[in-house]
Protein backbone atom coordinates (compact mmCIF):
# COMPACT_ATOMS: atom_id res chain seq x y z
CA MET A 1 -48.77 2.33 28.58
CA PHE A 2 -48.96 0.22 25.74
CA ARG A 3 -47.64 3.31 23.45
CA ALA A 4 -44.63 3.79 26.01
CA ALA A 5 -44.07 0.02 25.76
CA PHE A 6 -44.45 0.05 21.91
CA HIS A 7 -42.26 2.88 21.57
CA MET A 8 -39.58 1.30 23.85
CA ASN A 9 -39.72 -1.99 21.75
CA ASN A 10 -39.16 0.11 18.74
CA LYS A 11 -36.09 1.68 20.21
CA MET A 12 -35.11 -1.69 21.48
CA LEU A 13 -35.34 -3.01 18.06
CA LEU A 14 -33.25 -0.40 16.28
CA LEU A 15 -30.95 -0.38 18.92
CA MET A 16 -30.35 -4.18 18.33
CA SER A 17 -30.44 -4.02 14.37
CA VAL A 18 -27.44 -1.02 14.86
CA LEU A 19 -25.56 -3.53 17.02
CA LEU A 20 -26.01 -6.09 14.56
CA THR A 21 -25.14 -4.34 11.58
CA SER A 22 -21.93 -3.00 13.35
CA ALA A 23 -20.84 -6.64 14.34
CA CYS A 24 -21.53 -8.26 10.91
CA ALA A 25 -19.70 -5.16 9.15
CA PRO A 26 -16.51 -6.53 7.79
CA LYS A 27 -13.07 -5.29 9.17
CA TYR A 28 -10.33 -4.02 6.90
CA GLN A 29 -7.90 -2.36 8.99
CA PHE A 30 -4.97 -4.99 9.51
CA LEU A 31 -1.97 -4.82 11.26
CA ASN A 32 1.07 -7.58 10.53
CA SER A 33 2.45 -9.14 13.56
CA VAL A 34 5.52 -8.20 12.34
CA ALA A 35 5.35 -4.59 12.62
CA ALA A 36 6.45 -4.57 16.12
CA ASP A 37 9.48 -5.62 15.64
CA THR A 38 9.79 -3.91 12.12
CA PRO A 39 11.18 -0.13 12.70
CA VAL A 40 9.93 2.69 10.45
CA GLN A 41 11.71 5.41 11.06
CA ARG A 42 11.22 7.47 7.57
CA ILE A 43 8.12 7.11 5.32
CA TYR A 44 7.61 7.96 1.52
CA VAL A 45 3.82 8.42 0.65
CA VAL A 46 2.44 7.69 -2.59
CA MET A 47 -0.88 9.04 -3.28
CA ASP A 48 -3.67 9.38 -6.15
CA TYR A 49 -6.71 10.94 -5.76
CA VAL A 50 -9.47 11.34 -8.16
CA ASP A 51 -12.84 12.95 -8.16
CA PHE A 52 -15.36 13.18 -11.05
CA VAL A 53 -18.92 14.14 -11.70
CA ASP A 54 -21.59 12.14 -13.30
CA ASP A 55 -24.19 14.97 -14.99
CA VAL A 56 -26.51 14.72 -17.32
CA GLY A 57 -24.46 14.09 -20.08
CA ALA A 58 -22.96 11.03 -21.59
CA LEU A 59 -19.33 11.44 -20.32
CA TYR A 60 -18.03 11.85 -16.63
CA ASP A 61 -16.85 15.32 -15.75
CA TYR A 62 -13.16 15.89 -14.36
CA ASP A 63 -12.17 19.21 -12.75
CA LEU A 64 -8.53 19.36 -12.77
CA PRO A 65 -7.98 22.31 -10.11
CA LEU A 66 -10.49 20.96 -7.80
CA ASN A 67 -8.39 17.53 -7.95
CA ARG A 68 -5.18 19.44 -7.27
CA GLU A 69 -7.12 21.19 -4.31
CA ARG A 70 -8.37 17.81 -2.99
CA LEU A 71 -4.93 16.41 -3.16
CA ASP A 72 -3.53 19.16 -1.37
CA GLN A 73 -6.39 18.39 1.53
CA LEU A 74 -5.16 14.81 1.39
CA GLN A 75 -1.47 15.28 1.85
CA GLN A 76 -2.20 17.91 4.88
CA LYS A 77 -4.28 15.05 6.27
CA ILE A 78 -1.90 12.47 6.02
CA LYS A 79 0.81 14.40 7.05
CA SER A 80 -0.63 15.62 10.29
CA MET A 81 -2.06 11.77 11.26
CA LEU A 82 1.68 10.64 10.71
CA GLN A 83 3.08 13.63 12.97
CA GLN A 84 0.22 12.38 15.76
CA LYS A 85 1.74 8.98 15.15
CA GLY A 86 5.27 10.03 15.83
CA HIS A 87 6.67 10.13 12.23
CA GLU A 88 8.37 13.50 11.36
CA SER A 89 10.49 11.86 8.37
CA VAL A 90 7.81 11.94 5.99
CA TYR A 91 8.20 12.75 2.22
CA PHE A 92 5.18 12.82 -0.59
CA VAL A 93 7.25 11.52 -3.31
CA SER A 94 4.44 10.84 -5.77
CA ARG A 95 0.62 12.50 -6.59
CA SER A 96 -1.32 11.72 -9.17
CA SER A 97 -4.95 11.52 -10.49
CA GLY A 98 -6.46 9.05 -11.98
CA VAL A 99 -3.62 6.46 -12.31
CA LEU A 100 -6.01 3.44 -11.34
CA LEU A 101 -8.29 4.18 -14.04
CA ASP A 102 -9.26 2.84 -17.73
CA GLN A 103 -6.94 4.79 -19.79
CA GLU A 104 -9.16 4.64 -22.56
CA PHE A 105 -12.55 6.12 -20.68
CA GLU A 106 -13.12 9.75 -21.84
CA PHE A 107 -13.95 12.66 -19.16
CA GLU A 108 -15.06 16.09 -19.95
CA LEU A 109 -12.32 18.11 -18.75
CA TYR A 110 -13.26 21.11 -16.34
CA HIS A 111 -11.53 23.81 -14.81
CA HIS A 112 -13.68 25.37 -11.72
CA LYS A 113 -16.74 23.96 -12.79
CA LYS A 114 -16.46 25.40 -16.54
CA PHE A 115 -16.23 23.12 -19.38
CA GLN A 116 -12.91 23.58 -21.35
CA GLU A 117 -14.28 22.03 -24.71
CA LYS A 118 -11.86 19.29 -24.52
CA LEU A 119 -11.85 15.70 -23.47
CA VAL A 120 -9.34 13.86 -21.58
CA THR A 121 -8.26 10.31 -20.67
CA PRO A 122 -6.77 8.96 -17.41
CA PRO A 123 -4.25 9.68 -15.97
CA PHE A 124 -4.93 13.54 -15.73
CA LEU A 125 -2.02 14.40 -13.34
CA ILE A 126 1.41 12.62 -12.27
CA GLU A 127 4.24 14.56 -10.42
CA ALA A 128 7.21 13.14 -8.62
CA GLN A 129 9.51 14.79 -5.92
CA HIS A 130 12.87 13.77 -5.01
CA ILE A 131 12.34 10.19 -7.05
CA SER A 132 13.39 9.45 -10.68
CA ILE A 133 10.34 8.79 -13.14
CA PRO A 134 11.53 4.90 -13.44
CA GLU A 135 11.19 4.57 -9.62
CA GLN A 136 7.93 6.43 -9.90
CA ASP A 137 6.82 3.96 -12.29
CA VAL A 138 7.38 0.91 -10.09
CA LEU A 139 5.85 2.63 -7.04
CA LEU A 140 2.45 3.29 -9.31
CA ALA A 141 2.61 -0.15 -11.07
CA HIS A 142 2.75 -1.65 -7.33
CA MET A 143 -0.01 0.59 -6.11
CA THR A 144 -2.19 -0.56 -8.89
CA GLN A 145 -1.63 -4.34 -8.80
CA SER A 146 -2.18 -4.35 -4.91
CA GLN A 147 -5.49 -2.62 -4.63
CA TYR A 148 -7.63 -5.11 -4.43
CA GLN A 149 -5.47 -6.41 -1.38
CA ALA A 150 -6.70 -3.35 0.47
CA MET A 151 -10.10 -4.62 -0.06
CA VAL A 152 -9.45 -8.18 1.72
CA PRO A 153 -11.36 -8.01 4.79
CA VAL A 154 -9.67 -8.99 7.87
CA ILE A 155 -10.99 -12.35 9.33
CA ASP A 156 -9.55 -15.46 10.47
CA GLU A 157 -9.14 -17.26 7.16
CA ASN A 158 -7.28 -14.28 5.53
CA ILE A 159 -4.66 -13.74 8.40
CA ASN A 160 -2.31 -15.74 6.69
CA TYR A 161 -2.95 -14.58 3.19
CA LEU A 162 -2.68 -10.59 4.78
CA SER A 163 0.46 -11.53 6.65
CA ARG A 164 2.21 -13.11 3.53
CA LEU A 165 1.77 -9.93 1.14
CA HIS A 166 4.76 -8.21 0.23
CA MET A 167 6.02 -5.94 -2.87
CA GLU A 168 9.34 -6.00 -4.03
CA PRO A 169 12.13 -4.54 -1.87
CA MET A 170 13.66 -1.38 -3.39
CA LYS A 171 15.79 1.54 -2.43
CA PHE A 172 15.83 4.83 -3.96
CA SER A 173 18.67 6.01 -5.54
CA GLY A 174 20.63 9.55 -5.28
CA GLU A 175 22.28 10.97 -2.33
CA TRP A 176 19.17 12.63 -0.81
CA PHE A 177 18.08 8.84 0.02
CA ASP A 178 21.33 8.09 1.38
CA THR A 179 20.39 7.33 5.00
CA ASP A 180 20.16 4.57 7.66
CA GLU A 181 16.70 5.14 8.67
CA ALA A 182 14.40 2.18 8.43
CA GLU A 183 12.36 2.93 5.58
CA ALA A 184 8.95 2.35 4.73
CA VAL A 185 6.38 3.68 1.58
CA LEU A 186 2.70 4.11 2.25
CA PHE A 187 0.26 3.70 -0.40
CA VAL A 188 -3.14 6.00 -0.65
CA HIS A 189 -5.58 5.91 -3.13
CA VAL A 190 -8.86 7.62 -2.54
CA LEU A 191 -11.84 7.28 -5.19
CA ASN A 192 -14.33 10.15 -4.97
CA PRO A 193 -17.25 9.64 -7.66
CA ARG A 194 -20.27 12.06 -7.20
CA VAL A 195 -22.76 9.91 -9.33
CA SER A 196 -26.59 10.67 -9.52
CA PHE A 197 -28.93 8.44 -8.01
CA ALA A 198 -30.91 8.36 -10.93
CA LYS A 199 -28.05 6.56 -12.96
CA GLY A 200 -27.53 4.01 -10.09
CA PHE A 201 -28.25 0.95 -12.16
CA GLY A 202 -25.78 1.95 -14.80
CA VAL A 203 -23.01 2.81 -12.21
CA ALA A 204 -22.03 -0.63 -11.95
CA LEU A 205 -21.33 -0.84 -15.61
CA ALA A 206 -19.81 2.35 -15.44
CA SER A 207 -17.65 1.37 -12.60
CA THR A 208 -16.39 -1.56 -14.33
CA ALA A 209 -15.39 0.68 -17.24
CA ILE A 210 -13.28 2.55 -15.13
CA SER A 211 -12.01 0.00 -12.60
CA LEU A 212 -8.51 -1.68 -12.28
CA SER A 213 -7.51 -3.99 -15.03
CA ALA A 214 -5.95 -6.07 -12.57
CA THR A 215 -9.40 -6.91 -10.95
CA GLY A 216 -11.29 -7.06 -14.38
CA GLY A 217 -13.99 -4.57 -12.89
CA SER A 218 -15.24 -6.97 -10.15
CA PHE A 219 -14.03 -5.45 -7.06
CA TYR A 220 -14.91 -1.71 -7.98
CA ALA A 221 -18.41 -2.89 -9.46
CA THR A 222 -19.31 -4.65 -5.98
CA MET A 223 -17.70 -1.94 -3.66
CA MET A 224 -19.59 0.97 -5.09
CA PRO A 225 -23.08 0.23 -6.65
CA HIS A 226 -23.94 3.67 -6.59
CA GLY A 227 -20.87 5.57 -6.59
CA VAL A 228 -19.81 5.31 -3.19
CA SER A 229 -16.01 6.97 -1.83
CA PHE A 230 -13.31 4.93 -0.76
CA SER A 231 -9.96 5.13 0.31
CA ASN A 232 -7.10 2.28 0.43
CA ALA A 233 -4.04 2.54 1.93
CA MET A 234 -1.19 -0.07 2.74
CA LEU A 235 2.11 0.45 4.36
CA PHE A 236 5.14 -1.64 3.08
CA ASP A 237 8.51 -2.12 4.57
CA MET A 238 10.81 -0.99 1.83
CA ASN A 239 13.89 -3.48 3.14
CA SER A 240 12.06 -6.69 3.06
CA GLY A 241 8.94 -5.84 1.05
CA GLN A 242 6.53 -7.20 3.75
CA LEU A 243 3.00 -5.58 3.87
CA LEU A 244 2.85 -3.82 7.58
CA TRP A 245 -0.43 -2.02 7.83
CA LYS A 246 -3.39 -1.52 5.51
CA ASN A 247 -6.92 -0.21 5.44
CA HIS A 248 -10.21 0.37 3.29
CA GLN A 249 -12.79 2.19 3.80
CA GLN A 250 -16.06 3.15 1.91
CA SER A 251 -15.20 7.27 2.71
CA SER A 252 -12.80 9.75 1.55
CA VAL A 253 -9.69 10.33 3.64
CA GLU A 254 -9.41 13.82 2.76
CA SER A 255 -12.81 14.70 3.99
CA MET A 256 -12.95 12.60 7.32
CA GLY A 257 -13.38 14.54 10.60
CA SER A 258 -10.81 13.90 13.14
CA GLN A 259 -12.56 11.11 14.91
CA SER A 260 -13.08 9.41 11.72
CA LEU A 261 -9.51 9.84 10.75
CA ASN A 262 -8.14 8.80 13.91
CA ASN A 263 -10.13 5.16 13.53
CA TYR A 264 -8.74 4.87 10.17
CA PHE A 265 -5.17 5.06 11.15
CA LYS A 266 -5.94 3.63 14.62
CA ASP A 267 -3.30 0.58 14.06
CA PHE A 268 -0.99 2.56 11.82
CA PRO A 269 2.67 1.56 13.41
CA THR A 270 4.26 4.31 15.43
CA ALA A 271 7.62 5.84 14.94
CA THR A 272 10.38 4.15 16.03
CA ASP A 273 13.48 5.77 17.56
C-alpha cells in the first residue's frame, strides 16, 4: 500500500513538474493582428543554414557537401509546409550558409567528412535565383539585423513592440516579378552546431565569437550554452514592410518530424485568393 502510494506520488510530482515547465516555457510564435487583413499570395524564401562540428582540434569543422544537402532538405520541408498552408506561389530566391557568422572566425573545410587541408571563413555559400546580387545583399542584411527580433518572447509587454516591427518595403526588379499578387518574404535561419559536452564550458565563448555582430554575442551565448540548435523564421509583407508572423525554436527545422513542423508553423498565415 505504502509502496503504491509512494509511486503514485512520484508520478504526480513528475506530471506537475512537466506541466509547470510547459506552462513557464517562453512562447516565441507570434501572429500579428494585421495579418488577417494582409493578403499573402506569393512568398519569396530567404534561407541560411549552417552545420558545424566541434572535434578534438582547436577549430570547428565545416562540411560543405553536408550543408548543401541540409539546405536541400530545409527547402523541401519549407515548401511542403507552405503548400499545406495553401501557398502555391513559393520561390526560393536566396540560399546561403554561414552568412550570420563572424567572418573572421576560421573553420576547417571538409568534404564528406574528409579534411581538405584548407581553412575557410564565413560565409561559406551564397546562391541567388531570380533576384539581382544587390537585391540579395539587401535581403541578407535585413535577415542579419532582425535575428534577435525572432528570439523575443511573446509576452504581454512585448506585443506592441512585435506589432510594430517592419522591414523597408521593397519590390524586386525584372519582368519575372511583374505581378499583381500580394508579395511577402520569409526569412529562415537555422544554426545546427554539434558541440561536445566536454567543451560545454567554452561553448558560450565560442558562440560569442561566431554570433551576430548586431547582438554582440549576448543572444547566441544565452540561447545555446552547450551548442543547442535553433531555427528562426520571420514573414514580412513586402508592400508595407510589416512583420506578419515569426517563430523561434531550439531545434533544427530540416530535421523536424511532421508534428513538430506543424507546431512550428501552426499560426503561419494561410494563402489568400
